[in-house]
N, C-alpha and C. Protein backbone atom coordinates (compact mmCIF):
# COMPACT_ATOMS: atom_id res chain seq x y z
N UNK A 1 57.70 21.02 28.91
CA UNK A 1 58.53 21.40 28.48
C UNK A 1 58.66 23.09 28.22
N UNK A 2 59.68 23.77 28.14
CA UNK A 2 59.73 25.10 28.16
C UNK A 2 60.97 25.50 27.25
N UNK A 3 60.55 26.10 26.46
CA UNK A 3 61.41 26.66 25.19
C UNK A 3 61.99 28.38 25.49
N UNK A 4 63.58 28.37 25.48
CA UNK A 4 63.96 29.85 25.38
C UNK A 4 64.96 29.91 24.41
N UNK A 5 64.49 31.07 23.76
CA UNK A 5 65.83 31.65 22.63
C UNK A 5 66.36 32.31 23.18
N UNK A 6 67.87 31.67 23.39
CA UNK A 6 68.87 32.28 24.16
C UNK A 6 69.59 33.54 23.26
N UNK A 7 69.70 33.09 21.83
CA UNK A 7 70.52 34.10 20.94
C UNK A 7 69.49 33.76 19.47
N UNK A 8 68.33 34.80 19.39
CA UNK A 8 67.64 34.77 18.10
C UNK A 8 68.58 35.13 17.06
N UNK A 9 68.16 34.57 15.65
CA UNK A 9 69.11 34.94 14.37
C UNK A 9 68.64 36.14 13.92
N UNK A 10 69.35 37.23 13.86
CA UNK A 10 68.84 38.36 13.40
C UNK A 10 68.71 38.86 11.92
N UNK A 11 69.31 37.77 10.94
CA UNK A 11 68.92 38.20 9.76
C UNK A 11 69.60 36.49 9.34
N UNK A 12 69.17 36.76 8.06
CA UNK A 12 69.58 35.31 7.18
C UNK A 12 71.05 35.06 7.26
N UNK A 13 71.22 34.13 7.68
CA UNK A 13 72.59 33.07 7.94
C UNK A 13 73.45 33.45 9.36
N UNK A 14 72.37 34.10 9.85
CA UNK A 14 73.05 34.40 11.18
C UNK A 14 72.80 33.11 12.18
N UNK A 15 73.47 33.27 13.54
CA UNK A 15 73.37 31.81 14.31
C UNK A 15 72.09 32.09 15.17
N UNK A 16 71.65 30.89 15.87
CA UNK A 16 71.22 30.98 16.73
C UNK A 16 71.51 29.92 17.79
N UNK A 17 71.05 30.45 18.74
CA UNK A 17 70.99 29.46 20.12
C UNK A 17 69.28 29.41 21.25
N UNK A 18 68.81 27.85 20.99
CA UNK A 18 67.45 27.85 21.87
C UNK A 18 67.70 26.75 22.64
N UNK A 19 67.23 26.94 23.56
CA UNK A 19 67.32 25.53 24.62
C UNK A 19 66.01 25.08 24.91
N UNK A 20 65.90 23.82 25.00
CA UNK A 20 64.37 23.15 25.24
C UNK A 20 64.77 22.52 26.48
N UNK A 21 63.83 22.66 27.83
CA UNK A 21 63.84 22.14 28.93
C UNK A 21 63.10 21.10 28.87
N UNK A 22 63.48 20.06 29.36
CA UNK A 22 62.46 18.33 29.52
C UNK A 22 62.25 18.19 28.07
N UNK A 23 63.06 17.77 26.93
CA UNK A 23 62.76 17.26 25.99
C UNK A 23 61.75 16.24 26.02
N UNK A 24 61.74 15.53 26.91
CA UNK A 24 61.10 14.09 27.54
C UNK A 24 59.63 14.27 27.17
N UNK A 25 58.96 15.48 27.08
CA UNK A 25 58.05 15.77 26.79
C UNK A 25 57.11 15.29 25.32
N UNK A 26 58.34 15.18 24.39
CA UNK A 26 58.18 14.43 23.17
C UNK A 26 57.75 13.09 23.44
N UNK A 27 58.40 11.99 24.66
CA UNK A 27 57.66 10.81 24.62
C UNK A 27 56.30 10.48 24.14
N UNK A 28 55.40 11.31 24.46
CA UNK A 28 54.01 10.96 24.12
C UNK A 28 53.53 11.15 23.13
N UNK A 29 54.62 11.32 21.89
CA UNK A 29 54.57 11.95 20.34
C UNK A 29 53.59 10.96 19.75
N UNK A 30 52.24 11.30 19.12
CA UNK A 30 51.92 10.93 18.52
C UNK A 30 52.07 10.98 16.75
N UNK A 31 52.64 9.86 16.37
CA UNK A 31 53.13 10.14 14.94
C UNK A 31 51.81 10.16 13.95
N UNK A 32 50.70 10.04 14.48
CA UNK A 32 49.68 10.16 13.48
C UNK A 32 49.56 11.74 13.09
N UNK A 33 49.71 12.63 14.02
CA UNK A 33 49.82 13.87 14.04
C UNK A 33 51.06 14.86 13.19
N UNK A 34 52.00 14.05 12.84
CA UNK A 34 53.23 14.70 12.15
C UNK A 34 52.80 14.51 10.74
N UNK A 35 53.23 15.55 10.23
CA UNK A 35 53.51 15.73 8.89
C UNK A 35 53.94 14.57 8.02
N UNK A 36 53.99 14.43 6.93
CA UNK A 36 54.19 13.22 6.23
C UNK A 36 55.77 12.95 5.76
N UNK A 37 56.43 14.20 5.68
CA UNK A 37 57.72 14.55 5.39
C UNK A 37 58.52 13.97 6.73
N UNK A 38 58.29 14.28 7.82
CA UNK A 38 58.69 13.90 9.13
C UNK A 38 58.61 12.31 9.43
N UNK A 39 57.12 12.26 9.10
CA UNK A 39 56.99 10.60 9.11
C UNK A 39 58.15 9.62 8.51
N UNK A 40 58.01 10.27 7.21
CA UNK A 40 59.02 9.41 5.84
C UNK A 40 60.29 9.64 6.34
N UNK A 41 60.60 10.46 7.13
CA UNK A 41 61.90 10.87 7.71
C UNK A 41 62.47 9.83 8.84
N UNK A 42 61.33 9.80 9.60
CA UNK A 42 61.62 8.97 10.61
C UNK A 42 61.84 7.55 10.36
N UNK A 43 61.06 6.71 9.03
CA UNK A 43 61.35 5.78 8.92
C UNK A 43 62.30 5.47 8.08
N UNK A 44 63.00 6.60 7.40
CA UNK A 44 64.29 6.24 6.78
C UNK A 44 65.52 6.49 8.04
N UNK A 45 65.56 6.68 9.11
CA UNK A 45 66.41 6.90 9.85
C UNK A 45 66.32 5.25 10.53
N UNK A 46 65.10 5.17 10.64
CA UNK A 46 65.03 3.58 11.23
C UNK A 46 65.91 2.43 10.52
N UNK A 47 65.48 2.58 9.30
CA UNK A 47 65.92 1.28 8.01
C UNK A 47 67.58 2.00 8.08
N UNK A 48 68.02 3.11 8.52
CA UNK A 48 69.44 3.91 8.28
C UNK A 48 69.42 3.85 6.53
N UNK A 49 67.99 3.95 5.81
CA UNK A 49 68.35 4.06 4.43
C UNK A 49 68.43 5.36 3.86
N UNK A 50 69.65 5.14 2.97
CA UNK A 50 69.74 6.58 2.73
C UNK A 50 69.80 6.73 0.86
N UNK A 51 69.03 5.56 0.59
CA UNK A 51 68.62 5.15 -1.19
C UNK A 51 67.39 6.59 -1.36
N UNK A 52 67.32 7.30 -2.71
CA UNK A 52 66.67 8.27 -2.79
C UNK A 52 65.10 8.10 -3.15
N UNK A 53 64.44 6.42 -2.89
CA UNK A 53 63.21 5.79 -3.14
C UNK A 53 62.58 6.52 -2.34
N UNK A 54 61.10 7.39 -2.93
CA UNK A 54 60.44 7.99 -2.07
C UNK A 54 60.34 9.44 -1.68
N UNK A 55 61.71 10.24 -1.67
CA UNK A 55 61.72 11.53 -1.59
C UNK A 55 61.25 12.31 -2.63
N UNK A 56 61.00 11.75 -3.78
CA UNK A 56 60.70 12.72 -4.89
C UNK A 56 59.02 13.25 -4.49
N UNK A 57 58.39 12.75 -3.63
CA UNK A 57 57.30 13.02 -3.58
C UNK A 57 57.23 14.62 -2.96
N UNK A 58 58.46 14.71 -2.06
CA UNK A 58 58.47 16.46 -1.35
C UNK A 58 59.51 17.15 -2.17
N UNK A 59 59.89 16.98 -3.40
CA UNK A 59 60.33 18.10 -4.40
C UNK A 59 60.39 19.10 -4.02
N UNK A 60 59.03 19.05 -4.32
CA UNK A 60 58.42 20.46 -4.51
C UNK A 60 58.10 21.64 -3.38
N UNK A 61 58.21 20.70 -2.14
CA UNK A 61 57.83 21.61 -0.84
C UNK A 61 59.07 21.66 0.29
N UNK A 62 60.03 20.69 -0.12
CA UNK A 62 61.19 20.78 0.94
C UNK A 62 62.56 21.08 -0.11
N UNK A 63 63.26 22.36 0.10
CA UNK A 63 64.03 22.98 -0.80
C UNK A 63 65.44 21.83 -0.71
N UNK A 64 65.91 21.34 0.30
CA UNK A 64 66.58 20.08 0.48
C UNK A 64 66.46 18.83 -0.26
N UNK A 65 65.00 18.76 -1.17
CA UNK A 65 65.15 17.78 -1.95
C UNK A 65 64.43 18.09 -3.51
N UNK A 66 65.05 19.58 -3.73
CA UNK A 66 64.69 19.89 -4.89
C UNK A 66 65.94 19.27 -6.08
N UNK A 67 67.04 18.96 -5.75
CA UNK A 67 67.99 18.74 -6.80
C UNK A 67 68.35 17.36 -6.21
N UNK A 68 67.35 16.43 -6.18
CA UNK A 68 67.65 14.90 -6.05
C UNK A 68 68.03 14.12 -6.97
N UNK A 69 67.89 14.71 -8.40
CA UNK A 69 68.41 14.03 -9.67
C UNK A 69 69.59 14.19 -9.83
N UNK A 70 70.44 14.87 -9.04
CA UNK A 70 72.22 15.02 -9.27
C UNK A 70 72.62 14.38 -8.04
N UNK A 71 71.99 14.11 -7.11
CA UNK A 71 72.45 12.85 -6.05
C UNK A 71 72.58 11.67 -6.24
N UNK A 72 73.30 10.91 -5.61
CA UNK A 72 73.49 9.29 -5.88
C UNK A 72 72.79 8.89 -4.79
N UNK A 73 72.43 9.50 -3.61
CA UNK A 73 71.98 9.00 -2.28
C UNK A 73 71.84 10.49 -1.19
N UNK A 74 71.47 9.88 -0.07
CA UNK A 74 70.96 11.18 1.06
C UNK A 74 71.84 10.58 2.58
N UNK A 75 73.23 10.51 2.41
CA UNK A 75 74.11 9.89 3.21
C UNK A 75 74.32 10.75 4.36
N UNK A 76 74.15 12.21 3.97
CA UNK A 76 74.50 13.24 4.82
C UNK A 76 73.32 13.41 5.68
N UNK A 77 72.17 13.24 5.05
CA UNK A 77 70.90 13.82 5.70
C UNK A 77 70.37 12.51 6.93
N UNK A 78 70.47 11.60 6.03
CA UNK A 78 70.32 10.15 7.60
C UNK A 78 71.21 10.05 8.19
N UNK A 79 70.70 10.65 9.80
CA UNK A 79 71.63 10.60 10.90
C UNK A 79 72.67 9.65 11.26
N UNK A 80 71.21 8.49 11.31
CA UNK A 80 71.54 7.29 12.10
C UNK A 80 72.47 6.61 11.15
N UNK A 81 72.57 6.83 9.85
CA UNK A 81 73.70 6.21 8.66
C UNK A 81 74.85 7.07 8.94
N UNK A 82 74.86 8.42 8.93
CA UNK A 82 76.05 9.11 8.65
C UNK A 82 76.98 9.14 10.14
N UNK A 83 76.34 8.93 10.88
CA UNK A 83 76.69 8.45 12.44
C UNK A 83 77.99 7.39 12.50
N UNK A 84 77.22 6.17 11.70
CA UNK A 84 78.24 4.91 11.58
C UNK A 84 79.55 5.37 10.80
N UNK A 85 78.85 5.87 9.46
CA UNK A 85 80.22 6.25 8.50
C UNK A 85 81.50 7.37 9.51
N UNK A 86 80.74 8.05 9.88
CA UNK A 86 81.57 9.10 10.61
C UNK A 86 82.54 8.48 11.72
N UNK A 87 81.94 7.19 12.70
CA UNK A 87 82.49 6.98 13.78
C UNK A 87 82.84 5.63 13.28
N UNK A 88 83.31 5.22 12.36
CA UNK A 88 83.47 3.68 12.17
C UNK A 88 84.61 3.46 12.78
N UNK A 89 84.98 1.98 13.54
CA UNK A 89 83.64 0.73 13.03
C UNK A 89 82.89 0.74 13.87
N UNK A 90 82.30 1.57 14.85
CA UNK A 90 80.93 1.38 15.12
C UNK A 90 79.64 1.80 14.34
N UNK A 91 78.72 0.67 14.76
CA UNK A 91 77.44 0.71 14.00
C UNK A 91 76.81 1.85 14.90
N UNK A 92 75.19 2.15 14.35
CA UNK A 92 74.31 2.99 15.09
C UNK A 92 74.19 2.45 16.28
N UNK A 93 74.08 1.23 16.80
CA UNK A 93 73.46 0.80 18.17
C UNK A 93 74.76 0.78 18.88
N UNK A 94 75.97 0.65 18.41
CA UNK A 94 77.07 0.76 19.01
C UNK A 94 77.32 1.98 19.59
N UNK A 95 77.27 2.71 19.02
CA UNK A 95 77.32 4.30 19.33
C UNK A 95 76.51 4.41 20.50
N UNK A 96 74.80 4.33 20.36
CA UNK A 96 74.19 4.66 21.27
C UNK A 96 74.23 3.67 22.86
N UNK A 97 75.00 2.39 22.54
CA UNK A 97 75.48 1.58 23.55
C UNK A 97 76.80 2.12 24.43
N UNK A 98 77.61 2.68 23.41
CA UNK A 98 78.76 3.36 23.94
C UNK A 98 78.53 4.55 24.88
N UNK A 99 77.68 5.51 24.18
CA UNK A 99 77.18 6.56 24.69
C UNK A 99 76.77 6.50 26.36
N UNK A 100 75.42 5.38 26.31
CA UNK A 100 75.00 5.19 27.60
C UNK A 100 76.42 4.92 28.66
N UNK A 101 77.11 4.32 28.25
CA UNK A 101 78.37 3.52 28.96
C UNK A 101 78.84 4.79 29.65
N UNK A 102 79.45 5.61 28.98
CA UNK A 102 80.21 6.77 29.08
C UNK A 102 79.80 7.69 30.01
N UNK A 103 78.35 7.70 29.70
CA UNK A 103 77.56 8.66 30.41
C UNK A 103 77.11 8.00 32.07
N UNK A 104 77.30 6.72 32.11
CA UNK A 104 77.51 6.03 33.77
C UNK A 104 78.57 6.38 33.81
N UNK A 105 79.60 6.21 33.39
CA UNK A 105 80.82 6.59 34.02
C UNK A 105 81.44 8.24 34.14
N UNK A 106 80.46 9.09 33.94
CA UNK A 106 80.47 10.50 34.21
C UNK A 106 81.34 11.05 33.34
N UNK A 107 81.51 10.48 32.45
CA UNK A 107 82.64 11.19 31.10
C UNK A 107 81.87 12.57 30.57
N UNK A 108 82.61 13.53 30.36
CA UNK A 108 82.68 14.79 29.50
C UNK A 108 82.94 14.36 28.36
N UNK A 109 83.35 13.47 27.66
CA UNK A 109 84.09 13.30 26.24
C UNK A 109 83.03 12.57 25.49
N UNK A 110 81.72 12.87 25.82
CA UNK A 110 81.02 11.69 24.79
C UNK A 110 80.30 12.91 23.87
N UNK A 111 81.22 12.88 22.95
CA UNK A 111 80.67 13.64 21.66
C UNK A 111 80.44 12.43 20.45
N UNK A 112 79.22 12.67 19.73
CA UNK A 112 79.12 11.86 18.32
C UNK A 112 79.39 12.75 17.09
N UNK A 113 80.44 12.68 16.01
CA UNK A 113 80.50 13.56 15.64
C UNK A 113 79.63 13.01 13.99
N UNK A 114 79.23 13.80 13.17
CA UNK A 114 77.76 13.60 12.32
C UNK A 114 78.64 14.54 11.09
N UNK A 115 79.73 15.21 11.32
CA UNK A 115 79.89 15.97 10.20
C UNK A 115 80.81 15.53 9.36
N UNK A 116 80.54 15.99 8.08
CA UNK A 116 81.53 15.46 7.28
C UNK A 116 82.99 16.21 6.86
N UNK A 117 83.61 15.60 5.84
CA UNK A 117 85.18 16.03 5.97
C UNK A 117 85.23 17.38 5.29
N UNK A 118 86.16 18.44 5.60
CA UNK A 118 86.10 19.64 4.90
C UNK A 118 86.14 19.15 3.48
N UNK A 119 87.14 18.34 2.99
CA UNK A 119 87.08 17.87 1.45
C UNK A 119 85.85 17.35 0.74
N UNK A 120 85.04 17.14 1.73
CA UNK A 120 83.62 16.35 1.24
C UNK A 120 82.73 17.66 1.10
N UNK A 121 82.53 18.81 2.00
CA UNK A 121 82.07 19.88 1.79
C UNK A 121 82.68 20.68 0.52
N UNK A 122 83.92 20.64 0.43
CA UNK A 122 84.49 21.36 -0.73
C UNK A 122 83.69 20.91 -1.72
N UNK A 123 83.97 19.31 -1.81
CA UNK A 123 83.34 18.72 -3.19
C UNK A 123 82.06 19.06 -3.66
N UNK A 124 81.07 18.99 -2.34
CA UNK A 124 79.59 19.42 -2.53
C UNK A 124 79.51 20.28 -3.41
N UNK A 125 80.29 21.20 -3.49
CA UNK A 125 79.93 22.81 -3.60
C UNK A 125 80.93 22.72 -5.15
N UNK A 126 81.75 22.15 -5.38
CA UNK A 126 82.38 22.39 -6.66
C UNK A 126 82.74 21.17 -7.57
N UNK A 127 82.30 20.03 -6.77
CA UNK A 127 82.50 18.45 -7.62
C UNK A 127 81.36 17.89 -8.07
N UNK A 128 80.70 17.65 -6.95
CA UNK A 128 79.67 16.29 -7.27
C UNK A 128 78.29 16.64 -6.49
N UNK A 129 77.85 17.96 -6.08
CA UNK A 129 76.77 17.77 -5.34
C UNK A 129 76.45 16.64 -4.45
N UNK A 130 77.25 16.36 -3.68
CA UNK A 130 77.59 14.94 -2.74
C UNK A 130 76.28 15.51 -1.34
N UNK A 131 75.81 14.81 -1.21
CA UNK A 131 74.99 14.94 -0.01
C UNK A 131 75.43 15.06 1.16
N UNK A 132 75.56 16.40 1.92
CA UNK A 132 76.72 16.17 3.12
C UNK A 132 75.49 16.99 4.59
N UNK A 133 75.85 16.60 5.47
CA UNK A 133 75.35 16.77 6.71
C UNK A 133 75.07 17.99 6.85
N UNK A 134 73.85 18.25 7.49
CA UNK A 134 73.81 19.78 8.54
C UNK A 134 73.89 19.92 9.99
N UNK A 135 73.84 18.59 10.61
CA UNK A 135 74.21 18.38 12.11
C UNK A 135 75.92 18.06 12.09
N UNK A 136 76.22 18.91 12.97
CA UNK A 136 78.04 18.51 12.98
C UNK A 136 78.20 17.91 14.37
N UNK A 137 77.54 17.92 15.22
CA UNK A 137 78.01 17.34 16.67
C UNK A 137 77.05 17.03 17.40
N UNK A 138 76.69 15.98 18.22
CA UNK A 138 75.91 15.80 19.42
C UNK A 138 76.92 15.44 20.58
N UNK A 139 76.90 16.41 21.40
CA UNK A 139 77.60 16.44 23.01
C UNK A 139 76.26 15.94 23.89
N UNK A 140 77.01 14.84 24.74
CA UNK A 140 76.06 14.42 25.86
C UNK A 140 76.82 14.45 27.18
N UNK A 141 75.77 14.81 28.11
CA UNK A 141 76.13 15.03 29.25
C UNK A 141 74.99 14.21 30.32
N UNK A 142 75.25 14.24 31.29
CA UNK A 142 74.41 13.48 32.31
C UNK A 142 73.14 13.32 32.01
N UNK A 143 72.45 15.05 32.01
CA UNK A 143 71.23 15.27 32.00
C UNK A 143 71.03 16.25 30.95
N UNK A 144 71.60 16.21 30.17
CA UNK A 144 71.58 17.42 28.63
C UNK A 144 72.46 16.69 27.80
N UNK A 145 71.93 17.71 26.62
CA UNK A 145 72.42 17.35 25.19
C UNK A 145 72.71 18.67 24.64
N UNK A 146 73.76 18.79 23.65
CA UNK A 146 74.03 20.07 22.82
C UNK A 146 73.90 19.62 21.35
N UNK A 147 73.39 19.88 20.66
CA UNK A 147 73.43 19.74 19.00
C UNK A 147 73.84 20.78 18.56
N UNK A 148 75.02 20.61 17.64
CA UNK A 148 75.32 22.01 16.80
C UNK A 148 75.40 21.50 15.68
N UNK A 149 75.00 22.54 14.99
CA UNK A 149 74.35 22.36 13.21
C UNK A 149 75.42 23.32 12.38
N UNK A 150 75.73 22.79 11.64
CA UNK A 150 76.42 23.77 10.16
C UNK A 150 75.60 24.64 9.77
N UNK A 151 74.37 24.35 9.23
CA UNK A 151 73.12 24.96 8.87
C UNK A 151 71.81 24.37 9.23
N UNK A 152 71.11 25.28 9.51
CA UNK A 152 69.42 24.97 10.07
C UNK A 152 68.65 25.61 9.13
N UNK A 153 67.60 25.30 8.16
CA UNK A 153 66.75 25.63 7.72
C UNK A 153 65.50 25.57 9.01
N UNK A 154 65.27 26.84 9.17
CA UNK A 154 63.97 26.94 10.72
C UNK A 154 62.92 26.69 9.71
N UNK A 155 62.48 27.12 8.67
CA UNK A 155 61.03 27.11 7.96
C UNK A 155 60.79 25.54 7.71
N UNK A 156 61.64 24.60 6.96
CA UNK A 156 61.61 23.38 6.36
C UNK A 156 62.04 22.32 7.09
N UNK A 157 63.28 22.53 8.21
CA UNK A 157 63.69 21.14 8.60
C UNK A 157 64.08 21.30 9.97
N UNK A 158 64.15 22.39 10.66
CA UNK A 158 64.31 22.18 11.95
C UNK A 158 63.24 21.47 13.16
N UNK A 159 61.85 21.39 12.95
CA UNK A 159 61.17 20.56 13.42
C UNK A 159 61.27 18.89 13.14
N UNK A 160 61.60 18.78 12.01
CA UNK A 160 61.81 17.55 11.74
C UNK A 160 63.08 17.02 12.34
N UNK A 161 64.20 17.85 12.23
CA UNK A 161 65.27 17.55 12.85
C UNK A 161 65.23 17.28 14.36
N UNK A 162 64.33 18.18 14.88
CA UNK A 162 64.26 18.12 16.69
C UNK A 162 63.87 16.67 16.79
N UNK A 163 62.65 16.42 15.98
CA UNK A 163 61.76 15.10 16.58
C UNK A 163 62.87 13.98 15.76
N UNK A 164 63.48 13.74 14.83
CA UNK A 164 64.49 12.54 14.33
C UNK A 164 65.33 12.40 15.18
N UNK A 165 66.25 13.57 15.79
CA UNK A 165 67.16 13.48 16.68
C UNK A 165 66.80 13.04 18.10
N UNK A 166 65.69 13.54 18.58
CA UNK A 166 65.35 13.18 19.64
C UNK A 166 65.04 11.57 19.91
N UNK A 167 64.28 11.08 18.87
CA UNK A 167 63.79 9.78 18.65
C UNK A 167 64.89 8.89 18.46
N UNK A 168 65.81 9.25 17.81
CA UNK A 168 66.94 8.09 17.61
C UNK A 168 68.57 8.54 18.26
N UNK A 169 68.37 9.35 18.77
CA UNK A 169 70.04 10.05 19.34
C UNK A 169 69.58 10.25 20.90
N UNK A 170 68.63 10.91 21.45
CA UNK A 170 68.29 11.16 22.59
C UNK A 170 67.44 10.44 23.66
N UNK A 171 66.54 9.99 23.10
CA UNK A 171 65.55 9.01 23.79
C UNK A 171 66.23 7.72 24.13
N UNK A 172 66.73 7.13 23.33
CA UNK A 172 67.40 5.81 23.56
C UNK A 172 68.47 5.81 24.61
N UNK A 173 69.07 6.96 24.60
CA UNK A 173 70.03 7.44 26.01
C UNK A 173 69.47 7.67 27.52
N UNK A 174 68.33 8.18 27.42
CA UNK A 174 68.06 9.00 28.46
C UNK A 174 66.97 8.79 28.98
N UNK A 175 66.09 7.81 28.11
CA UNK A 175 64.63 7.41 28.04
C UNK A 175 63.60 8.34 28.84
N UNK A 176 63.00 8.01 29.82
CA UNK A 176 62.41 9.02 30.45
C UNK A 176 62.64 9.93 31.55
N UNK A 177 63.94 10.26 31.77
CA UNK A 177 64.34 11.28 32.76
C UNK A 177 64.50 12.14 31.93
N UNK A 178 64.15 13.35 32.74
CA UNK A 178 64.34 14.74 32.49
C UNK A 178 65.99 15.35 31.78
N UNK A 179 65.59 15.55 30.59
CA UNK A 179 66.90 15.90 29.68
C UNK A 179 66.62 17.41 28.82
N UNK A 180 67.63 18.26 28.95
CA UNK A 180 67.55 19.23 28.43
C UNK A 180 68.47 19.75 27.30
N UNK A 181 67.83 20.25 26.41
CA UNK A 181 68.62 20.07 24.89
C UNK A 181 69.22 21.72 24.47
N UNK A 182 70.41 22.02 24.13
CA UNK A 182 70.55 23.07 23.55
C UNK A 182 70.79 22.98 22.50
N UNK A 183 70.28 23.97 21.26
CA UNK A 183 70.81 23.88 19.64
C UNK A 183 71.03 24.96 19.33
N UNK A 184 72.46 24.96 18.85
CA UNK A 184 73.00 26.12 18.31
C UNK A 184 73.18 26.01 16.66
N UNK A 185 73.24 26.87 16.13
CA UNK A 185 73.11 26.51 14.66
C UNK A 185 74.32 27.62 14.42
N UNK A 186 75.12 27.62 13.14
CA UNK A 186 76.39 28.44 12.96
C UNK A 186 75.48 29.12 12.08
N UNK A 187 74.57 28.89 11.07
CA UNK A 187 74.34 29.46 10.19
C UNK A 187 72.59 29.15 9.63
N UNK A 188 71.54 30.03 9.82
CA UNK A 188 70.37 29.87 9.75
C UNK A 188 69.71 30.20 8.52
N UNK A 189 68.69 29.58 7.83
CA UNK A 189 67.81 30.06 6.78
C UNK A 189 66.40 30.24 7.49
N UNK A 190 65.73 30.84 6.66
CA UNK A 190 64.27 31.34 6.84
C UNK A 190 64.17 31.54 8.53
N UNK A 191 65.22 32.69 8.72
CA UNK A 191 65.04 32.76 10.29
C UNK A 191 64.05 33.48 10.71
N UNK A 192 62.84 34.04 10.44
CA UNK A 192 61.66 34.86 10.61
C UNK A 192 60.62 33.96 11.19
N UNK A 193 60.76 32.32 10.49
CA UNK A 193 59.80 31.48 10.99
C UNK A 193 60.59 30.85 12.42
N UNK A 194 61.07 31.40 13.13
CA UNK A 194 61.68 30.68 14.47
C UNK A 194 60.45 30.65 15.58
N UNK A 195 59.91 31.70 16.16
CA UNK A 195 59.15 31.75 16.54
C UNK A 195 57.75 30.65 16.18
N UNK A 196 57.45 31.01 14.94
CA UNK A 196 56.17 30.81 14.88
C UNK A 196 56.57 28.61 14.96
N UNK A 197 58.05 28.38 14.56
CA UNK A 197 57.90 27.01 14.69
C UNK A 197 58.03 26.52 16.10
N UNK A 198 58.59 27.27 16.96
CA UNK A 198 58.65 26.92 18.27
C UNK A 198 56.93 26.36 19.26
N UNK A 199 56.04 27.31 18.38
CA UNK A 199 54.75 27.31 18.66
C UNK A 199 54.27 25.71 18.65
N UNK A 200 54.96 24.88 17.25
CA UNK A 200 54.83 23.76 17.32
C UNK A 200 55.33 22.40 18.01
N UNK A 201 56.27 23.26 18.61
CA UNK A 201 57.15 21.80 19.32
C UNK A 201 56.12 21.78 20.93
């Protein structure tokens, strides 16, 4: 696996673009070596569980978990659930199966929306602190995937995002076939940690 920083973030809230060649190196992922937060999030993705149960143990270490008491659920953060909500009537498994079919047809239209609507983003800032998605879009091609993030916390979330998205949205599509992934974030936080994070991958 080879990682290139095509566009590094220059300052807080700047954008970045990174490329990961052959992300299938994650196929031998040893879950016992993952941090507890990432393992817990993998479990929540698998269950499509948006409840707040269990997340309180991360409230002091993960900024996204610090305002749990003001939320009713994590519907934006659990992408297996969010994908189904944004792309109804398809369920998560329907989406995966249909992505495979479109790729077999050679389609360039295989885009899965995860983003909330603008009213939902607006309300989350001004009305109800609703949990909204940081991932906007997954675009699939024959042997590559593009991930587009609205926002990306490099220090606290990017590693977990890569692992969970690979496990539930990339590996089920491409299996062991070599696949390249590009990750673009419109707005990055904790930008000084990018090099350090990439050493973990």
